[in-house]
Amino acid sequence: TYSEDFTIDLTRREDIKNASGTYSIVRG
C-alpha cells in the first residue's frame, strides 16, 4: 500500500533520521 520495504535488525535497532511513519511505529 505504501510502497515501503525495510528491515529492522533486532540486534542493533535504532531510530533513523527522517524514517517513515511505518518504520517509526514498528520501532515503537
PDB file of all heavy atoms in Angstrom:
ATOM      1  N   THR A   1       0.819  -1.213   0.000  1.00  0.00           N
ATOM      2  CA  THR A   1       0.000   0.000   0.000  1.00  0.00           C
ATOM      3  C   THR A   1       0.851   1.260   0.000  1.00  0.00           C
ATOM      4  O   THR A   1       0.558   2.226  -0.712  1.00  0.00           O
ATOM      5  CB  THR A   1      -0.938   0.012   1.219  1.00  0.00           C
ATOM      6  OG1 THR A   1      -1.667  -1.209   1.258  1.00  0.00           O
ATOM      7  CG2 THR A   1      -1.900   1.188   1.165  1.00  0.00           C
ATOM      8  N   TYR A   2       1.907   1.265   0.814  1.00  0.00           N
ATOM      9  CA  TYR A   2       2.699   2.483   0.972  1.00  0.00           C
ATOM     10  C   TYR A   2       4.054   2.395   0.285  1.00  0.00           C
ATOM     11  O   TYR A   2       4.926   3.240   0.534  1.00  0.00           O
ATOM     12  CB  TYR A   2       2.864   2.799   2.466  1.00  0.00           C
ATOM     13  CG  TYR A   2       1.536   3.051   3.124  1.00  0.00           C
ATOM     14  CD1 TYR A   2       1.000   2.137   4.036  1.00  0.00           C
ATOM     15  CD2 TYR A   2       0.783   4.174   2.810  1.00  0.00           C
ATOM     16  CE1 TYR A   2      -0.246   2.348   4.622  1.00  0.00           C
ATOM     17  CE2 TYR A   2      -0.453   4.397   3.380  1.00  0.00           C
ATOM     18  CZ  TYR A   2      -0.957   3.484   4.285  1.00  0.00           C
ATOM     19  OH  TYR A   2      -2.186   3.691   4.859  1.00  0.00           O
ATOM     20  N   SER A   3       4.239   1.374  -0.552  1.00  0.00           N
ATOM     21  CA  SER A   3       5.476   1.235  -1.346  1.00  0.00           C
ATOM     22  C   SER A   3       6.717   1.344  -0.466  1.00  0.00           C
ATOM     23  O   SER A   3       7.660   2.105  -0.762  1.00  0.00           O
ATOM     24  CB  SER A   3       5.518   2.298  -2.453  1.00  0.00           C
ATOM     25  OG  SER A   3       4.407   2.187  -3.306  1.00  0.00           O
ATOM     26  N   GLU A   4       6.716   0.597   0.616  1.00  0.00           N
ATOM     27  CA  GLU A   4       7.851   0.587   1.535  1.00  0.00           C
ATOM     28  C   GLU A   4       8.417  -0.824   1.631  1.00  0.00           C
ATOM     29  O   GLU A   4       7.689  -1.807   1.541  1.00  0.00           O
ATOM     30  CB  GLU A   4       7.446   1.060   2.931  1.00  0.00           C
ATOM     31  CG  GLU A   4       7.053   2.524   2.998  1.00  0.00           C
ATOM     32  CD  GLU A   4       6.862   2.989   4.437  1.00  0.00           C
ATOM     33  OE1 GLU A   4       7.834   2.931   5.217  1.00  0.00           O
ATOM     34  OE2 GLU A   4       5.739   3.383   4.778  1.00  0.00           O
ATOM     35  N   ASP A   5       9.725  -0.897   1.844  1.00  0.00           N
ATOM     36  CA  ASP A   5      10.397  -2.180   2.017  1.00  0.00           C
ATOM     37  C   ASP A   5      11.605  -1.916   2.907  1.00  0.00           C
ATOM     38  O   ASP A   5      12.561  -1.270   2.485  1.00  0.00           O
ATOM     39  CB  ASP A   5      10.821  -2.738   0.655  1.00  0.00           C
ATOM     40  CG  ASP A   5      11.226  -4.212   0.724  1.00  0.00           C
ATOM     41  OD1 ASP A   5      11.633  -4.657   1.818  1.00  0.00           O
ATOM     42  OD2 ASP A   5      11.147  -4.897  -0.306  1.00  0.00           O
ATOM     43  N   PHE A   6      11.536  -2.369   4.162  1.00  0.00           N
ATOM     44  CA  PHE A   6      12.641  -2.069   5.082  1.00  0.00           C
ATOM     45  C   PHE A   6      12.887  -3.236   6.034  1.00  0.00           C
ATOM     46  O   PHE A   6      12.039  -4.129   6.189  1.00  0.00           O
ATOM     47  CB  PHE A   6      12.377  -0.785   5.876  1.00  0.00           C
ATOM     48  CG  PHE A   6      11.143  -0.819   6.740  1.00  0.00           C
ATOM     49  CD1 PHE A   6      11.164  -1.372   8.016  1.00  0.00           C
ATOM     50  CD2 PHE A   6       9.946  -0.264   6.287  1.00  0.00           C
ATOM     51  CE1 PHE A   6      10.031  -1.387   8.815  1.00  0.00           C
ATOM     52  CE2 PHE A   6       8.800  -0.268   7.084  1.00  0.00           C
ATOM     53  CZ  PHE A   6       8.845  -0.836   8.347  1.00  0.00           C
ATOM     54  N   THR A   7      14.052  -3.208   6.652  1.00  0.00           N
ATOM     55  CA  THR A   7      14.455  -4.256   7.587  1.00  0.00           C
ATOM     56  C   THR A   7      14.912  -3.616   8.891  1.00  0.00           C
ATOM     57  O   THR A   7      15.619  -2.594   8.880  1.00  0.00           O
ATOM     58  CB  THR A   7      15.598  -5.092   6.997  1.00  0.00           C
ATOM     59  OG1 THR A   7      15.149  -5.752   5.814  1.00  0.00           O
ATOM     60  CG2 THR A   7      16.086  -6.139   8.001  1.00  0.00           C
ATOM     61  N   ILE A   8      14.505  -4.196  10.002  1.00  0.00           N
ATOM     62  CA  ILE A   8      14.976  -3.770  11.321  1.00  0.00           C
ATOM     63  C   ILE A   8      15.782  -4.916  11.918  1.00  0.00           C
ATOM     64  O   ILE A   8      15.255  -6.014  12.123  1.00  0.00           O
ATOM     65  CB  ILE A   8      13.798  -3.403  12.248  1.00  0.00           C
ATOM     66  CG1 ILE A   8      13.013  -2.219  11.676  1.00  0.00           C
ATOM     67  CG2 ILE A   8      14.316  -3.085  13.654  1.00  0.00           C
ATOM     68  CD1 ILE A   8      11.792  -1.850  12.487  1.00  0.00           C
ATOM     69  N   ASP A   9      17.063  -4.659  12.157  1.00  0.00           N
ATOM     70  CA  ASP A   9      17.941  -5.649  12.779  1.00  0.00           C
ATOM     71  C   ASP A   9      17.741  -5.570  14.292  1.00  0.00           C
ATOM     72  O   ASP A   9      18.059  -4.547  14.916  1.00  0.00           O
ATOM     73  CB  ASP A   9      19.396  -5.354  12.405  1.00  0.00           C
ATOM     74  CG  ASP A   9      20.350  -6.443  12.878  1.00  0.00           C
ATOM     75  OD1 ASP A   9      20.018  -7.152  13.845  1.00  0.00           O
ATOM     76  OD2 ASP A   9      21.428  -6.575  12.276  1.00  0.00           O
ATOM     77  N   LEU A  10      17.209  -6.616  14.889  1.00  0.00           N
ATOM     78  CA  LEU A  10      16.866  -6.589  16.312  1.00  0.00           C
ATOM     79  C   LEU A  10      18.095  -6.554  17.210  1.00  0.00           C
ATOM     80  O   LEU A  10      17.987  -6.221  18.391  1.00  0.00           O
ATOM     81  CB  LEU A  10      15.993  -7.792  16.665  1.00  0.00           C
ATOM     82  CG  LEU A  10      14.641  -7.852  15.936  1.00  0.00           C
ATOM     83  CD1 LEU A  10      13.863  -9.088  16.352  1.00  0.00           C
ATOM     84  CD2 LEU A  10      13.817  -6.596  16.194  1.00  0.00           C
ATOM     85  N   THR A  11      19.271  -6.889  16.675  1.00  0.00           N
ATOM     86  CA  THR A  11      20.481  -6.870  17.499  1.00  0.00           C
ATOM     87  C   THR A  11      21.060  -5.462  17.642  1.00  0.00           C
ATOM     88  O   THR A  11      21.838  -5.196  18.558  1.00  0.00           O
ATOM     89  CB  THR A  11      21.569  -7.784  16.895  1.00  0.00           C
ATOM     90  OG1 THR A  11      21.930  -7.292  15.597  1.00  0.00           O
ATOM     91  CG2 THR A  11      21.054  -9.206  16.779  1.00  0.00           C
ATOM     92  N   ARG A  12      20.657  -4.562  16.748  1.00  0.00           N
ATOM     93  CA  ARG A  12      21.173  -3.183  16.833  1.00  0.00           C
ATOM     94  C   ARG A  12      20.155  -2.199  16.257  1.00  0.00           C
ATOM     95  O   ARG A  12      20.492  -1.335  15.454  1.00  0.00           O
ATOM     96  CB  ARG A  12      22.511  -3.064  16.099  1.00  0.00           C
ATOM     97  CG  ARG A  12      22.506  -3.579  14.673  1.00  0.00           C
ATOM     98  CD  ARG A  12      23.900  -3.491  14.045  1.00  0.00           C
ATOM     99  NE  ARG A  12      23.915  -3.982  12.671  1.00  0.00           N
ATOM    100  CZ  ARG A  12      23.609  -3.255  11.613  1.00  0.00           C
ATOM    101  NH1 ARG A  12      23.257  -1.994  11.757  1.00  0.00           N
ATOM    102  NH2 ARG A  12      23.654  -3.782  10.401  1.00  0.00           N
ATOM    103  N   ARG A  13      18.947  -2.366  16.684  1.00  0.00           N
ATOM    104  CA  ARG A  13      17.904  -1.483  16.149  1.00  0.00           C
ATOM    105  C   ARG A  13      18.092  -0.062  16.677  1.00  0.00           C
ATOM    106  O   ARG A  13      18.488   0.154  17.819  1.00  0.00           O
ATOM    107  CB  ARG A  13      16.511  -2.023  16.484  1.00  0.00           C
ATOM    108  CG  ARG A  13      16.123  -2.029  17.938  1.00  0.00           C
ATOM    109  CD  ARG A  13      14.728  -2.657  18.059  1.00  0.00           C
ATOM    110  NE  ARG A  13      14.142  -2.504  19.361  1.00  0.00           N
ATOM    111  CZ  ARG A  13      14.257  -3.397  20.342  1.00  0.00           C
ATOM    112  NH1 ARG A  13      14.958  -4.497  20.147  1.00  0.00           N
ATOM    113  NH2 ARG A  13      13.677  -3.180  21.506  1.00  0.00           N
ATOM    114  N   GLU A  14      17.777   0.884  15.830  1.00  0.00           N
ATOM    115  CA  GLU A  14      17.991   2.279  16.174  1.00  0.00           C
ATOM    116  C   GLU A  14      16.995   3.155  15.427  1.00  0.00           C
ATOM    117  O   GLU A  14      16.439   2.763  14.401  1.00  0.00           O
ATOM    118  CB  GLU A  14      19.419   2.691  15.794  1.00  0.00           C
ATOM    119  CG  GLU A  14      19.736   2.461  14.316  1.00  0.00           C
ATOM    120  CD  GLU A  14      21.193   2.658  13.986  1.00  0.00           C
ATOM    121  OE1 GLU A  14      21.970   2.957  14.899  1.00  0.00           O
ATOM    122  OE2 GLU A  14      21.535   2.519  12.800  1.00  0.00           O
ATOM    123  N   ASP A  15      16.772   4.322  15.993  1.00  0.00           N
ATOM    124  CA  ASP A  15      15.948   5.300  15.297  1.00  0.00           C
ATOM    125  C   ASP A  15      16.730   5.863  14.116  1.00  0.00           C
ATOM    126  O   ASP A  15      17.935   6.110  14.209  1.00  0.00           O
ATOM    127  CB  ASP A  15      15.549   6.446  16.230  1.00  0.00           C
ATOM    128  CG  ASP A  15      14.542   5.999  17.281  1.00  0.00           C
ATOM    129  OD1 ASP A  15      13.711   5.134  16.960  1.00  0.00           O
ATOM    130  OD2 ASP A  15      14.614   6.494  18.415  1.00  0.00           O
ATOM    131  N   ILE A  16      16.049   6.022  13.001  1.00  0.00           N
ATOM    132  CA  ILE A  16      16.671   6.555  11.796  1.00  0.00           C
ATOM    133  C   ILE A  16      16.115   7.945  11.521  1.00  0.00           C
ATOM    134  O   ILE A  16      14.893   8.143  11.533  1.00  0.00           O
ATOM    135  CB  ILE A  16      16.425   5.633  10.590  1.00  0.00           C
ATOM    136  CG1 ILE A  16      17.063   4.258  10.844  1.00  0.00           C
ATOM    137  CG2 ILE A  16      16.962   6.249   9.320  1.00  0.00           C
ATOM    138  CD1 ILE A  16      16.787   3.267   9.737  1.00  0.00           C
ATOM    139  N   LYS A  17      16.996   8.882  11.258  1.00  0.00           N
ATOM    140  CA  LYS A  17      16.566  10.247  10.952  1.00  0.00           C
ATOM    141  C   LYS A  17      15.721  10.247   9.677  1.00  0.00           C
ATOM    142  O   LYS A  17      16.066   9.607   8.688  1.00  0.00           O
ATOM    143  CB  LYS A  17      17.785  11.152  10.773  1.00  0.00           C
ATOM    144  CG  LYS A  17      17.434  12.626  10.644  1.00  0.00           C
ATOM    145  CD  LYS A  17      18.693  13.479  10.561  1.00  0.00           C
ATOM    146  CE  LYS A  17      18.342  14.956  10.460  1.00  0.00           C
ATOM    147  NZ  LYS A  17      19.560  15.814  10.376  1.00  0.00           N
ATOM    148  N   ASN A  18      14.585  10.945   9.744  1.00  0.00           N
ATOM    149  CA  ASN A  18      13.654  11.052   8.612  1.00  0.00           C
ATOM    150  C   ASN A  18      13.075   9.707   8.187  1.00  0.00           C
ATOM    151  O   ASN A  18      12.722   9.499   7.020  1.00  0.00           O
ATOM    152  CB  ASN A  18      14.332  11.719   7.408  1.00  0.00           C
ATOM    153  CG  ASN A  18      14.801  13.129   7.715  1.00  0.00           C
ATOM    154  OD1 ASN A  18      14.116  13.876   8.404  1.00  0.00           O
ATOM    155  ND2 ASN A  18      15.968  13.487   7.194  1.00  0.00           N
ATOM    156  N   ALA A  19      12.982   8.772   9.147  1.00  0.00           N
ATOM    157  CA  ALA A  19      12.378   7.467   8.855  1.00  0.00           C
ATOM    158  C   ALA A  19      10.891   7.638   8.584  1.00  0.00           C
ATOM    159  O   ALA A  19      10.247   8.600   9.034  1.00  0.00           O
ATOM    160  CB  ALA A  19      12.585   6.523  10.028  1.00  0.00           C
ATOM    161  N   SER A  20      10.327   6.696   7.843  1.00  0.00           N
ATOM    162  CA  SER A  20       8.891   6.752   7.557  1.00  0.00           C
ATOM    163  C   SER A  20       8.094   6.522   8.828  1.00  0.00           C
ATOM    164  O   SER A  20       8.588   5.968   9.818  1.00  0.00           O
ATOM    165  CB  SER A  20       8.521   5.676   6.529  1.00  0.00           C
ATOM    166  OG  SER A  20       8.603   4.379   7.112  1.00  0.00           O
ATOM    167  N   GLY A  21       6.833   6.937   8.790  1.00  0.00           N
ATOM    168  CA  GLY A  21       5.962   6.697   9.932  1.00  0.00           C
ATOM    169  C   GLY A  21       5.793   5.214  10.222  1.00  0.00           C
ATOM    170  O   GLY A  21       5.672   4.804  11.381  1.00  0.00           O
ATOM    171  N   THR A  22       5.779   4.397   9.164  1.00  0.00           N
ATOM    172  CA  THR A  22       5.641   2.949   9.335  1.00  0.00           C
ATOM    173  C   THR A  22       6.828   2.382  10.099  1.00  0.00           C
ATOM    174  O   THR A  22       6.668   1.617  11.062  1.00  0.00           O
ATOM    175  CB  THR A  22       5.527   2.250   7.964  1.00  0.00           C
ATOM    176  OG1 THR A  22       4.487   2.853   7.216  1.00  0.00           O
ATOM    177  CG2 THR A  22       5.247   0.773   8.128  1.00  0.00           C
ATOM    178  N   TYR A  23       8.035   2.747   9.680  1.00  0.00           N
ATOM    179  CA  TYR A  23       9.243   2.286  10.361  1.00  0.00           C
ATOM    180  C   TYR A  23       9.217   2.704  11.831  1.00  0.00           C
ATOM    181  O   TYR A  23       9.487   1.899  12.733  1.00  0.00           O
ATOM    182  CB  TYR A  23      10.478   2.864   9.667  1.00  0.00           C
ATOM    183  CG  TYR A  23      11.793   2.441  10.287  1.00  0.00           C
ATOM    184  CD1 TYR A  23      12.508   1.367   9.770  1.00  0.00           C
ATOM    185  CD2 TYR A  23      12.327   3.129  11.373  1.00  0.00           C
ATOM    186  CE1 TYR A  23      13.719   0.975  10.330  1.00  0.00           C
ATOM    187  CE2 TYR A  23      13.534   2.744  11.946  1.00  0.00           C
ATOM    188  CZ  TYR A  23      14.236   1.674  11.424  1.00  0.00           C
ATOM    189  OH  TYR A  23      15.419   1.294  11.987  1.00  0.00           O
ATOM    190  N   SER A  24       8.876   3.974  12.080  1.00  0.00           N
ATOM    191  CA  SER A  24       8.894   4.500  13.445  1.00  0.00           C
ATOM    192  C   SER A  24       7.899   3.774  14.339  1.00  0.00           C
ATOM    193  O   SER A  24       8.194   3.479  15.507  1.00  0.00           O
ATOM    194  CB  SER A  24       8.591   6.001  13.433  1.00  0.00           C
ATOM    195  OG  SER A  24       9.577   6.713  12.720  1.00  0.00           O
ATOM    196  N   ILE A  25       6.714   3.478  13.798  1.00  0.00           N
ATOM    197  CA  ILE A  25       5.706   2.836  14.631  1.00  0.00           C
ATOM    198  C   ILE A  25       6.092   1.394  14.942  1.00  0.00           C
ATOM    199  O   ILE A  25       5.845   0.889  16.044  1.00  0.00           O
ATOM    200  CB  ILE A  25       4.301   2.916  13.986  1.00  0.00           C
ATOM    201  CG1 ILE A  25       3.221   2.986  15.080  1.00  0.00           C
ATOM    202  CG2 ILE A  25       4.005   1.745  13.070  1.00  0.00           C
ATOM    203  CD1 ILE A  25       3.193   4.273  15.842  1.00  0.00           C
ATOM    204  N   VAL A  26       6.749   0.700  13.994  1.00  0.00           N
ATOM    205  CA  VAL A  26       7.234  -0.652  14.281  1.00  0.00           C
ATOM    206  C   VAL A  26       8.305  -0.604  15.368  1.00  0.00           C
ATOM    207  O   VAL A  26       8.318  -1.436  16.286  1.00  0.00           O
ATOM    208  CB  VAL A  26       7.776  -1.337  13.005  1.00  0.00           C
ATOM    209  CG1 VAL A  26       8.390  -2.691  13.353  1.00  0.00           C
ATOM    210  CG2 VAL A  26       6.647  -1.530  11.993  1.00  0.00           C
ATOM    211  N   ARG A  27       9.186   0.382  15.278  1.00  0.00           N
ATOM    212  CA  ARG A  27      10.198   0.557  16.339  1.00  0.00           C
ATOM    213  C   ARG A  27       9.519   0.765  17.687  1.00  0.00           C
ATOM    214  O   ARG A  27       9.949   0.186  18.708  1.00  0.00           O
ATOM    215  CB  ARG A  27      11.088   1.771  16.010  1.00  0.00           C
ATOM    216  CG  ARG A  27      12.136   1.505  14.972  1.00  0.00           C
ATOM    217  CD  ARG A  27      13.363   0.803  15.582  1.00  0.00           C
ATOM    218  NE  ARG A  27      14.069   1.708  16.489  1.00  0.00           N
ATOM    219  CZ  ARG A  27      14.056   1.610  17.815  1.00  0.00           C
ATOM    220  NH1 ARG A  27      13.375   0.652  18.401  1.00  0.00           N
ATOM    221  NH2 ARG A  27      14.724   2.470  18.563  1.00  0.00           N
ATOM    222  N   GLY A  28       8.485   1.561  17.715  1.00  0.00           N
ATOM    223  CA  GLY A  28       7.776   1.796  18.968  1.00  0.00           C
ATOM    224  C   GLY A  28       7.109   0.541  19.499  1.00  0.00           C
ATOM    225  O   GLY A  28       7.084   0.305  20.721  1.00  0.00           O
TER     226      GLY A  28
END
